[in-house]
Amino acid sequence: MFIATLTGIFEFKDLPEEYGSFVQYKAGLEKREIKDNDEIAVLNIQGTESFHILFLDSYKDIKSIKDELKAADAKINHTTLKILEGHL
């Protein structure tokens, strides 16, 4: 199982360019139109060159994030968990 650690939380308009393709991919999966003020968490999947994107307004609680990551064979680290809880 991979460990997911928080890289950052950004509004879409402030998102670093290197995460753009990951955000566009996740938006496509969710059939979502991205707005400039969408709050987006970028998680690094340790041991890979991949990032997991979370549109924070899509989650009502931390359990739904944990379930999504579990389906991707990843587990969120404790520090990231506490930070995300403060943003939900």
PDB file of N, CA and C in Angstrom:
ATOM      1  N   MET A   1       0.847  -1.184   0.000  1.00  0.00           N
ATOM      2  CA  MET A   1       0.000   0.000   0.000  1.00  0.00           C
ATOM      3  C   MET A   1       0.889   1.243   0.000  1.00  0.00           C
ATOM      4  N   PHE A   2       0.519   2.215  -0.808  1.00  0.00           N
ATOM      5  CA  PHE A   2       1.265   3.458  -0.917  1.00  0.00           C
ATOM      6  C   PHE A   2       0.809   4.459   0.148  1.00  0.00           C
ATOM      7  N   ILE A   3       1.665   5.389   0.485  1.00  0.00           N
ATOM      8  CA  ILE A   3       1.334   6.446   1.447  1.00  0.00           C
ATOM      9  C   ILE A   3       1.124   7.749   0.680  1.00  0.00           C
ATOM     10  N   ALA A   4      -0.012   8.411   0.982  1.00  0.00           N
ATOM     11  CA  ALA A   4      -0.339   9.694   0.350  1.00  0.00           C
ATOM     12  C   ALA A   4      -0.018  10.819   1.324  1.00  0.00           C
ATOM     13  N   THR A   5       0.816  11.757   0.888  1.00  0.00           N
ATOM     14  CA  THR A   5       1.164  12.903   1.724  1.00  0.00           C
ATOM     15  C   THR A   5       0.779  14.190   1.003  1.00  0.00           C
ATOM     16  N   LEU A   6       0.370  15.158   1.785  1.00  0.00           N
ATOM     17  CA  LEU A   6      -0.094  16.424   1.221  1.00  0.00           C
ATOM     18  C   LEU A   6       1.065  17.207   0.627  1.00  0.00           C
ATOM     19  N   THR A   7       0.903  17.577  -0.631  1.00  0.00           N
ATOM     20  CA  THR A   7       1.859  18.460  -1.293  1.00  0.00           C
ATOM     21  C   THR A   7       1.428  19.905  -1.087  1.00  0.00           C
ATOM     22  N   GLY A   8       0.128  20.156  -1.162  1.00  0.00           N
ATOM     23  CA  GLY A   8      -0.394  21.503  -0.941  1.00  0.00           C
ATOM     24  C   GLY A   8      -1.882  21.569  -1.193  1.00  0.00           C
ATOM     25  N   ILE A   9      -2.476  22.647  -0.700  1.00  0.00           N
ATOM     26  CA  ILE A   9      -3.878  22.946  -0.968  1.00  0.00           C
ATOM     27  C   ILE A   9      -3.889  24.292  -1.679  1.00  0.00           C
ATOM     28  N   PHE A  10      -4.518  24.318  -2.841  1.00  0.00           N
ATOM     29  CA  PHE A  10      -4.490  25.499  -3.699  1.00  0.00           C
ATOM     30  C   PHE A  10      -5.881  25.812  -4.220  1.00  0.00           C
ATOM     31  N   GLU A  11      -6.124  27.086  -4.489  1.00  0.00           N
ATOM     32  CA  GLU A  11      -7.260  27.423  -5.335  1.00  0.00           C
ATOM     33  C   GLU A  11      -6.784  27.167  -6.762  1.00  0.00           C
ATOM     34  N   PHE A  12      -7.712  26.792  -7.641  1.00  0.00           N
ATOM     35  CA  PHE A  12      -7.317  26.433  -8.998  1.00  0.00           C
ATOM     36  C   PHE A  12      -6.506  27.540  -9.665  1.00  0.00           C
ATOM     37  N   LYS A  13      -6.901  28.786  -9.449  1.00  0.00           N
ATOM     38  CA  LYS A  13      -6.192  29.905 -10.094  1.00  0.00           C
ATOM     39  C   LYS A  13      -4.739  30.027  -9.630  1.00  0.00           C
ATOM     40  N   ASP A  14      -4.411  29.459  -8.461  1.00  0.00           N
ATOM     41  CA  ASP A  14      -3.057  29.529  -7.908  1.00  0.00           C
ATOM     42  C   ASP A  14      -2.298  28.208  -8.019  1.00  0.00           C
ATOM     43  N   LEU A  15      -2.891  27.242  -8.678  1.00  0.00           N
ATOM     44  CA  LEU A  15      -2.306  25.910  -8.775  1.00  0.00           C
ATOM     45  C   LEU A  15      -0.999  25.943  -9.577  1.00  0.00           C
ATOM     46  N   PRO A  16       0.082  25.381  -9.017  1.00  0.00           N
ATOM     47  CA  PRO A  16       1.327  25.286  -9.801  1.00  0.00           C
ATOM     48  C   PRO A  16       1.095  24.475 -11.087  1.00  0.00           C
ATOM     49  N   GLU A  17       1.717  24.915 -12.148  1.00  0.00           N
ATOM     50  CA  GLU A  17       1.508  24.340 -13.475  1.00  0.00           C
ATOM     51  C   GLU A  17       1.753  22.841 -13.543  1.00  0.00           C
ATOM     52  N   GLU A  18       2.718  22.344 -12.756  1.00  0.00           N
ATOM     53  CA  GLU A  18       3.064  20.917 -12.860  1.00  0.00           C
ATOM     54  C   GLU A  18       1.939  19.976 -12.431  1.00  0.00           C
ATOM     55  N   TYR A  19       0.921  20.487 -11.721  1.00  0.00           N
ATOM     56  CA  TYR A  19      -0.197  19.647 -11.297  1.00  0.00           C
ATOM     57  C   TYR A  19      -1.406  19.771 -12.219  1.00  0.00           C
ATOM     58  N   GLY A  20      -1.336  20.644 -13.200  1.00  0.00           N
ATOM     59  CA  GLY A  20      -2.470  20.924 -14.069  1.00  0.00           C
ATOM     60  C   GLY A  20      -3.040  19.706 -14.766  1.00  0.00           C
ATOM     61  N   SER A  21      -2.190  18.845 -15.298  1.00  0.00           N
ATOM     62  CA  SER A  21      -2.699  17.675 -16.026  1.00  0.00           C
ATOM     63  C   SER A  21      -3.398  16.699 -15.083  1.00  0.00           C
ATOM     64  N   PHE A  22      -2.907  16.575 -13.856  1.00  0.00           N
ATOM     65  CA  PHE A  22      -3.554  15.694 -12.874  1.00  0.00           C
ATOM     66  C   PHE A  22      -4.936  16.237 -12.501  1.00  0.00           C
ATOM     67  N   VAL A  23      -5.032  17.557 -12.345  1.00  0.00           N
ATOM     68  CA  VAL A  23      -6.311  18.191 -11.998  1.00  0.00           C
ATOM     69  C   VAL A  23      -7.295  18.048 -13.153  1.00  0.00           C
ATOM     70  N   GLN A  24      -6.844  18.263 -14.370  1.00  0.00           N
ATOM     71  CA  GLN A  24      -7.719  18.133 -15.535  1.00  0.00           C
ATOM     72  C   GLN A  24      -8.230  16.690 -15.668  1.00  0.00           C
ATOM     73  N   TYR A  25      -7.358  15.730 -15.420  1.00  0.00           N
ATOM     74  CA  TYR A  25      -7.752  14.319 -15.491  1.00  0.00           C
ATOM     75  C   TYR A  25      -8.832  14.003 -14.463  1.00  0.00           C
ATOM     76  N   LYS A  26      -8.606  14.436 -13.203  1.00  0.00           N
ATOM     77  CA  LYS A  26      -9.591  14.170 -12.143  1.00  0.00           C
ATOM     78  C   LYS A  26     -10.914  14.876 -12.449  1.00  0.00           C
ATOM     79  N   ALA A  27     -10.846  16.093 -12.951  1.00  0.00           N
ATOM     80  CA  ALA A  27     -12.079  16.810 -13.311  1.00  0.00           C
ATOM     81  C   ALA A  27     -12.831  16.058 -14.394  1.00  0.00           C
ATOM     82  N   GLY A  28     -12.121  15.501 -15.350  1.00  0.00           N
ATOM     83  CA  GLY A  28     -12.757  14.708 -16.406  1.00  0.00           C
ATOM     84  C   GLY A  28     -13.443  13.472 -15.855  1.00  0.00           C
ATOM     85  N   LEU A  29     -12.792  12.808 -14.913  1.00  0.00           N
ATOM     86  CA  LEU A  29     -13.398  11.631 -14.288  1.00  0.00           C
ATOM     87  C   LEU A  29     -14.684  11.983 -13.556  1.00  0.00           C
ATOM     88  N   GLU A  30     -14.680  13.150 -12.915  1.00  0.00           N
ATOM     89  CA  GLU A  30     -15.846  13.580 -12.141  1.00  0.00           C
ATOM     90  C   GLU A  30     -16.855  14.371 -12.975  1.00  0.00           C
ATOM     91  N   LYS A  31     -16.537  14.537 -14.280  1.00  0.00           N
ATOM     92  CA  LYS A  31     -17.389  15.352 -15.161  1.00  0.00           C
ATOM     93  C   LYS A  31     -17.654  16.721 -14.518  1.00  0.00           C
ATOM     94  N   ARG A  32     -16.577  17.338 -14.102  1.00  0.00           N
ATOM     95  CA  ARG A  32     -16.627  18.568 -13.333  1.00  0.00           C
ATOM     96  C   ARG A  32     -16.041  19.714 -14.140  1.00  0.00           C
ATOM     97  N   GLU A  33     -16.686  20.855 -14.083  1.00  0.00           N
ATOM     98  CA  GLU A  33     -16.130  22.074 -14.652  1.00  0.00           C
ATOM     99  C   GLU A  33     -15.369  22.789 -13.538  1.00  0.00           C
ATOM    100  N   ILE A  34     -14.102  23.044 -13.766  1.00  0.00           N
ATOM    101  CA  ILE A  34     -13.252  23.646 -12.742  1.00  0.00           C
ATOM    102  C   ILE A  34     -13.478  25.159 -12.702  1.00  0.00           C
ATOM    103  N   LYS A  35     -13.631  25.669 -11.483  1.00  0.00           N
ATOM    104  CA  LYS A  35     -13.755  27.114 -11.280  1.00  0.00           C
ATOM    105  C   LYS A  35     -12.471  27.628 -10.641  1.00  0.00           C
ATOM    106  N   ASP A  36     -12.151  28.904 -10.889  1.00  0.00           N
ATOM    107  CA  ASP A  36     -10.915  29.488 -10.359  1.00  0.00           C
ATOM    108  C   ASP A  36     -10.791  29.376  -8.847  1.00  0.00           C
ATOM    109  N   ASN A  37     -11.915  29.422  -8.134  1.00  0.00           N
ATOM    110  CA  ASN A  37     -11.842  29.403  -6.672  1.00  0.00           C
ATOM    111  C   ASN A  37     -12.046  28.002  -6.070  1.00  0.00           C
ATOM    112  N   ASP A  38     -12.059  26.952  -6.898  1.00  0.00           N
ATOM    113  CA  ASP A  38     -12.141  25.589  -6.369  1.00  0.00           C
ATOM    114  C   ASP A  38     -10.908  25.315  -5.508  1.00  0.00           C
ATOM    115  N   GLU A  39     -11.154  24.782  -4.304  1.00  0.00           N
ATOM    116  CA  GLU A  39     -10.058  24.419  -3.410  1.00  0.00           C
ATOM    117  C   GLU A  39      -9.654  22.981  -3.704  1.00  0.00           C
ATOM    118  N   ILE A  40      -8.372  22.809  -4.035  1.00  0.00           N
ATOM    119  CA  ILE A  40      -7.858  21.532  -4.515  1.00  0.00           C
ATOM    120  C   ILE A  40      -6.683  21.100  -3.638  1.00  0.00           C
ATOM    121  N   ALA A  41      -6.762  19.865  -3.129  1.00  0.00           N
ATOM    122  CA  ALA A  41      -5.637  19.285  -2.396  1.00  0.00           C
ATOM    123  C   ALA A  41      -4.867  18.383  -3.357  1.00  0.00           C
ATOM    124  N   VAL A  42      -3.558  18.521  -3.328  1.00  0.00           N
ATOM    125  CA  VAL A  42      -2.684  17.686  -4.146  1.00  0.00           C
ATOM    126  C   VAL A  42      -1.934  16.759  -3.201  1.00  0.00           C
ATOM    127  N   LEU A  43      -2.104  15.459  -3.392  1.00  0.00           N
ATOM    128  CA  LEU A  43      -1.431  14.462  -2.564  1.00  0.00           C
ATOM    129  C   LEU A  43      -0.378  13.744  -3.397  1.00  0.00           C
ATOM    130  N   ASN A  44       0.815  13.640  -2.852  1.00  0.00           N
ATOM    131  CA  ASN A  44       1.878  12.883  -3.494  1.00  0.00           C
ATOM    132  C   ASN A  44       1.740  11.430  -3.072  1.00  0.00           C
ATOM    133  N   ILE A  45       1.759  10.539  -4.040  1.00  0.00           N
ATOM    134  CA  ILE A  45       1.708   9.110  -3.755  1.00  0.00           C
ATOM    135  C   ILE A  45       3.149   8.621  -3.706  1.00  0.00           C
ATOM    136  N   GLN A  46       3.648   8.428  -2.484  1.00  0.00           N
ATOM    137  CA  GLN A  46       5.055   8.074  -2.292  1.00  0.00           C
ATOM    138  C   GLN A  46       5.398   6.771  -2.999  1.00  0.00           C
ATOM    139  N   GLY A  47       6.581   6.774  -3.596  1.00  0.00           N
ATOM    140  CA  GLY A  47       7.036   5.598  -4.321  1.00  0.00           C
ATOM    141  C   GLY A  47       6.584   5.584  -5.770  1.00  0.00           C
ATOM    142  N   THR A  48       5.865   6.632  -6.187  1.00  0.00           N
ATOM    143  CA  THR A  48       5.415   6.754  -7.578  1.00  0.00           C
ATOM    144  C   THR A  48       5.732   8.166  -8.057  1.00  0.00           C
ATOM    145  N   GLU A  49       5.448   8.416  -9.297  1.00  0.00           N
ATOM    146  CA  GLU A  49       5.570   9.767  -9.845  1.00  0.00           C
ATOM    147  C   GLU A  49       4.187  10.366 -10.044  1.00  0.00           C
ATOM    148  N   SER A  50       3.241   9.894  -9.266  1.00  0.00           N
ATOM    149  CA  SER A  50       1.847  10.288  -9.438  1.00  0.00           C
ATOM    150  C   SER A  50       1.360  11.139  -8.271  1.00  0.00           C
ATOM    151  N   PHE A  51       0.304  11.880  -8.558  1.00  0.00           N
ATOM    152  CA  PHE A  51      -0.363  12.705  -7.559  1.00  0.00           C
ATOM    153  C   PHE A  51      -1.839  12.351  -7.566  1.00  0.00           C
ATOM    154  N   HIS A  52      -2.449  12.426  -6.397  1.00  0.00           N
ATOM    155  CA  HIS A  52      -3.888  12.203  -6.280  1.00  0.00           C
ATOM    156  C   HIS A  52      -4.518  13.552  -5.986  1.00  0.00           C
ATOM    157  N   ILE A  53      -5.541  13.894  -6.739  1.00  0.00           N
ATOM    158  CA  ILE A  53      -6.190  15.205  -6.640  1.00  0.00           C
ATOM    159  C   ILE A  53      -7.516  15.066  -5.908  1.00  0.00           C
ATOM    160  N   LEU A  54      -7.764  16.008  -4.997  1.00  0.00           N
ATOM    161  CA  LEU A  54      -9.026  16.057  -4.264  1.00  0.00           C
ATOM    162  C   LEU A  54      -9.652  17.436  -4.448  1.00  0.00           C
ATOM    163  N   PHE A  55     -10.829  17.482  -5.049  1.00  0.00           N
ATOM    164  CA  PHE A  55     -11.615  18.716  -5.058  1.00  0.00           C
ATOM    165  C   PHE A  55     -12.336  18.733  -3.715  1.00  0.00           C
ATOM    166  N   LEU A  56     -11.889  19.555  -2.789  1.00  0.00           N
ATOM    167  CA  LEU A  56     -12.321  19.438  -1.404  1.00  0.00           C
ATOM    168  C   LEU A  56     -13.824  19.632  -1.201  1.00  0.00           C
ATOM    169  N   ASP A  57     -14.475  20.387  -2.074  1.00  0.00           N
ATOM    170  CA  ASP A  57     -15.921  20.572  -1.895  1.00  0.00           C
ATOM    171  C   ASP A  57     -16.720  19.324  -2.295  1.00  0.00           C
ATOM    172  N   SER A  58     -16.033  18.299  -2.800  1.00  0.00           N
ATOM    173  CA  SER A  58     -16.703  17.054  -3.188  1.00  0.00           C
ATOM    174  C   SER A  58     -16.834  16.071  -2.028  1.00  0.00           C
ATOM    175  N   TYR A  59     -16.239  16.392  -0.888  1.00  0.00           N
ATOM    176  CA  TYR A  59     -16.199  15.445   0.230  1.00  0.00           C
ATOM    177  C   TYR A  59     -16.909  16.020   1.445  1.00  0.00           C
ATOM    178  N   LYS A  60     -17.738  15.180   2.073  1.00  0.00           N
ATOM    179  CA  LYS A  60     -18.444  15.646   3.265  1.00  0.00           C
ATOM    180  C   LYS A  60     -17.682  15.297   4.539  1.00  0.00           C
ATOM    181  N   ASP A  61     -16.798  14.307   4.448  1.00  0.00           N
ATOM    182  CA  ASP A  61     -16.020  13.915   5.624  1.00  0.00           C
ATOM    183  C   ASP A  61     -14.727  13.223   5.201  1.00  0.00           C
ATOM    184  N   ILE A  62     -13.855  13.032   6.180  1.00  0.00           N
ATOM    185  CA  ILE A  62     -12.547  12.444   5.896  1.00  0.00           C
ATOM    186  C   ILE A  62     -12.662  10.972   5.505  1.00  0.00           C
ATOM    187  N   LYS A  63     -13.703  10.279   5.973  1.00  0.00           N
ATOM    188  CA  LYS A  63     -13.891   8.871   5.627  1.00  0.00           C
ATOM    189  C   LYS A  63     -14.032   8.683   4.121  1.00  0.00           C
ATOM    190  N   SER A  64     -14.732   9.597   3.449  1.00  0.00           N
ATOM    191  CA  SER A  64     -14.900   9.463   1.998  1.00  0.00           C
ATOM    192  C   SER A  64     -13.562   9.620   1.276  1.00  0.00           C
ATOM    193  N   ILE A  65     -12.685  10.461   1.815  1.00  0.00           N
ATOM    194  CA  ILE A  65     -11.342  10.596   1.229  1.00  0.00           C
ATOM    195  C   ILE A  65     -10.543   9.320   1.468  1.00  0.00           C
ATOM    196  N   LYS A  66     -10.595   8.794   2.682  1.00  0.00           N
ATOM    197  CA  LYS A  66      -9.882   7.547   2.991  1.00  0.00           C
ATOM    198  C   LYS A  66     -10.356   6.407   2.090  1.00  0.00           C
ATOM    199  N   ASP A  67     -11.675   6.331   1.877  1.00  0.00           N
ATOM    200  CA  ASP A  67     -12.229   5.264   1.022  1.00  0.00           C
ATOM    201  C   ASP A  67     -11.731   5.396  -0.417  1.00  0.00           C
ATOM    202  N   GLU A  68     -11.687   6.621  -0.922  1.00  0.00           N
ATOM    203  CA  GLU A  68     -11.206   6.843  -2.294  1.00  0.00           C
ATOM    204  C   GLU A  68      -9.741   6.437  -2.422  1.00  0.00           C
ATOM    205  N   LEU A  69      -8.942   6.806  -1.444  1.00  0.00           N
ATOM    206  CA  LEU A  69      -7.526   6.455  -1.487  1.00  0.00           C
ATOM    207  C   LEU A  69      -7.316   4.940  -1.336  1.00  0.00           C
ATOM    208  N   LYS A  70      -8.120   4.314  -0.501  1.00  0.00           N
ATOM    209  CA  LYS A  70      -8.009   2.863  -0.325  1.00  0.00           C
ATOM    210  C   LYS A  70      -8.257   2.142  -1.646  1.00  0.00           C
ATOM    211  N   ALA A  71      -9.220   2.639  -2.422  1.00  0.00           N
ATOM    212  CA  ALA A  71      -9.501   2.048  -3.729  1.00  0.00           C
ATOM    213  C   ALA A  71      -8.307   2.200  -4.674  1.00  0.00           C
ATOM    214  N   ALA A  72      -7.473   3.208  -4.420  1.00  0.00           N
ATOM    215  CA  ALA A  72      -6.269   3.433  -5.231  1.00  0.00           C
ATOM    216  C   ALA A  72      -5.036   2.796  -4.581  1.00  0.00           C
ATOM    217  N   ASP A  73      -5.263   1.920  -3.577  1.00  0.00           N
ATOM    218  CA  ASP A  73      -4.192   1.236  -2.855  1.00  0.00           C
ATOM    219  C   ASP A  73      -3.255   2.223  -2.161  1.00  0.00           C
ATOM    220  N   ALA A  74      -3.845   3.273  -1.567  1.00  0.00           N
ATOM    221  CA  ALA A  74      -3.053   4.274  -0.851  1.00  0.00           C
ATOM    222  C   ALA A  74      -3.695   4.547   0.508  1.00  0.00           C
ATOM    223  N   LYS A  75      -2.851   4.984   1.414  1.00  0.00           N
ATOM    224  CA  LYS A  75      -3.294   5.346   2.761  1.00  0.00           C
ATOM    225  C   LYS A  75      -2.750   6.735   3.064  1.00  0.00           C
ATOM    226  N   ILE A  76      -3.593   7.552   3.673  1.00  0.00           N
ATOM    227  CA  ILE A  76      -3.220   8.929   3.958  1.00  0.00           C
ATOM    228  C   ILE A  76      -2.397   8.985   5.255  1.00  0.00           C
ATOM    229  N   ASN A  77      -1.321   9.788   5.274  1.00  0.00           N
ATOM    230  CA  ASN A  77      -0.535   9.865   6.497  1.00  0.00           C
ATOM    231  C   ASN A  77      -1.231  10.757   7.527  1.00  0.00           C
ATOM    232  N   HIS A  78      -0.827  10.638   8.784  1.00  0.00           N
ATOM    233  CA  HIS A  78      -1.523  11.283   9.894  1.00  0.00           C
ATOM    234  C   HIS A  78      -1.534  12.811   9.779  1.00  0.00           C
ATOM    235  N   THR A  79      -0.408  13.407   9.455  1.00  0.00           N
ATOM    236  CA  THR A  79      -0.330  14.867   9.346  1.00  0.00           C
ATOM    237  C   THR A  79      -1.258  15.375   8.258  1.00  0.00           C
ATOM    238  N   THR A  80      -1.242  14.734   7.119  1.00  0.00           N
ATOM    239  CA  THR A  80      -2.120  15.111   6.010  1.00  0.00           C
ATOM    240  C   THR A  80      -3.582  14.973   6.425  1.00  0.00           C
ATOM    241  N   LEU A  81      -3.887  13.909   7.117  1.00  0.00           N
ATOM    242  CA  LEU A  81      -5.253  13.673   7.596  1.00  0.00           C
ATOM    243  C   LEU A  81      -5.744  14.840   8.455  1.00  0.00           C
ATOM    244  N   LYS A  82      -4.931  15.276   9.386  1.00  0.00           N
ATOM    245  CA  LYS A  82      -5.314  16.369  10.284  1.00  0.00           C
ATOM    246  C   LYS A  82      -5.488  17.684   9.525  1.00  0.00           C
ATOM    247  N   ILE A  83      -4.625  17.949   8.570  1.00  0.00           N
ATOM    248  CA  ILE A  83      -4.736  19.178   7.778  1.00  0.00           C
ATOM    249  C   ILE A  83      -6.014  19.162   6.950  1.00  0.00           C
ATOM    250  N   LEU A  84      -6.285  18.047   6.290  1.00  0.00           N
ATOM    251  CA  LEU A  84      -7.492  17.960   5.459  1.00  0.00           C
ATOM    252  C   LEU A  84      -8.764  18.068   6.289  1.00  0.00           C
ATOM    253  N   GLU A  85      -8.758  17.491   7.489  1.00  0.00           N
ATOM    254  CA  GLU A  85      -9.927  17.605   8.365  1.00  0.00           C
ATOM    255  C   GLU A  85     -10.276  19.068   8.621  1.00  0.00           C
ATOM    256  N   GLY A  86      -9.266  19.910   8.713  1.00  0.00           N
ATOM    257  CA  GLY A  86      -9.486  21.337   8.936  1.00  0.00           C
ATOM    258  C   GLY A  86     -10.041  22.066   7.732  1.00  0.00           C
ATOM    259  N   HIS A  87     -10.000  21.436   6.567  1.00  0.00           N
ATOM    260  CA  HIS A  87     -10.481  22.070   5.334  1.00  0.00           C
ATOM    261  C   HIS A  87     -11.827  21.531   4.870  1.00  0.00           C
ATOM    262  N   LEU A  88     -12.357  20.545   5.573  1.00  0.00           N
ATOM    263  CA  LEU A  88     -13.657  19.982   5.173  1.00  0.00           C
ATOM    264  C   LEU A  88     -14.784  20.627   5.957  1.00  0.00           C
TER     265      LEU A  88
END
